Amino acid sequence: MGRKFTKIDENFICEHCGNKVQKLGYTCRNHCNKCLYSKHVDINPRR
């Protein structure tokens, strides 16, 4: 069975408040550290 989770640790701009979110360097995140807005981006979510 192949891996269903791909770790993507990169900078991004928050779609809600426009804050530039820096990558963590050791794990990934999908939420803004300023306004806590998050976007679910899993292609294969757990059921």
Protein backbone atom coordinates (compact mmCIF):
# COMPACT_ATOMS: atom_id res chain seq x y z
CA MET A 1 0.00 0.00 0.00
CA GLY A 2 1.44 3.36 -1.02
CA ARG A 3 1.87 6.38 1.19
CA LYS A 4 -1.21 8.57 1.34
CA PHE A 5 0.40 11.53 3.13
CA THR A 6 2.98 13.79 1.49
CA LYS A 7 4.86 16.14 3.81
CA ILE A 8 4.97 19.62 2.26
CA ASP A 9 6.81 22.18 4.38
CA GLU A 10 6.81 25.48 2.53
CA ASN A 11 6.00 29.17 2.97
CA PHE A 12 2.51 30.30 1.99
CA ILE A 13 0.24 33.34 2.05
CA CYS A 14 -2.88 32.95 4.21
CA GLU A 15 -6.00 33.05 2.01
CA HIS A 16 -7.97 34.66 4.86
CA CYS A 17 -5.80 37.48 6.26
CA GLY A 18 -2.88 37.73 3.79
CA ASN A 19 -0.21 36.94 6.40
CA LYS A 20 3.01 35.40 5.05
CA VAL A 21 3.39 32.11 6.93
CA GLN A 22 6.95 30.77 7.20
CA LYS A 23 7.71 27.06 6.87
CA LEU A 24 8.48 25.25 10.11
CA GLY A 25 11.57 23.39 8.94
CA TYR A 26 10.67 20.10 10.63
CA THR A 27 7.01 19.37 9.83
CA CYS A 28 4.16 20.77 7.76
CA ARG A 29 1.23 22.95 8.70
CA ASN A 30 -1.96 24.06 7.00
CA HIS A 31 -2.99 26.93 9.26
CA CYS A 32 -2.01 30.57 9.65
CA ASN A 33 -0.12 31.36 12.85
CA LYS A 34 -1.71 34.85 12.94
CA CYS A 35 -5.45 34.24 12.45
CA LEU A 36 -5.49 30.40 12.79
CA TYR A 37 -7.44 30.03 9.54
CA SER A 38 -6.84 26.59 8.03
CA LYS A 39 -7.68 24.83 4.83
CA HIS A 40 -8.07 21.05 4.64
CA VAL A 41 -5.89 19.93 1.75
CA ASP A 42 -5.62 16.13 2.08
CA ILE A 43 -6.24 14.31 -1.19
CA ASN A 44 -6.89 11.03 0.64
CA PRO A 45 -8.37 11.92 4.05
CA ARG A 46 -8.76 9.21 6.69
CA ARG A 47 -12.25 7.83 7.06
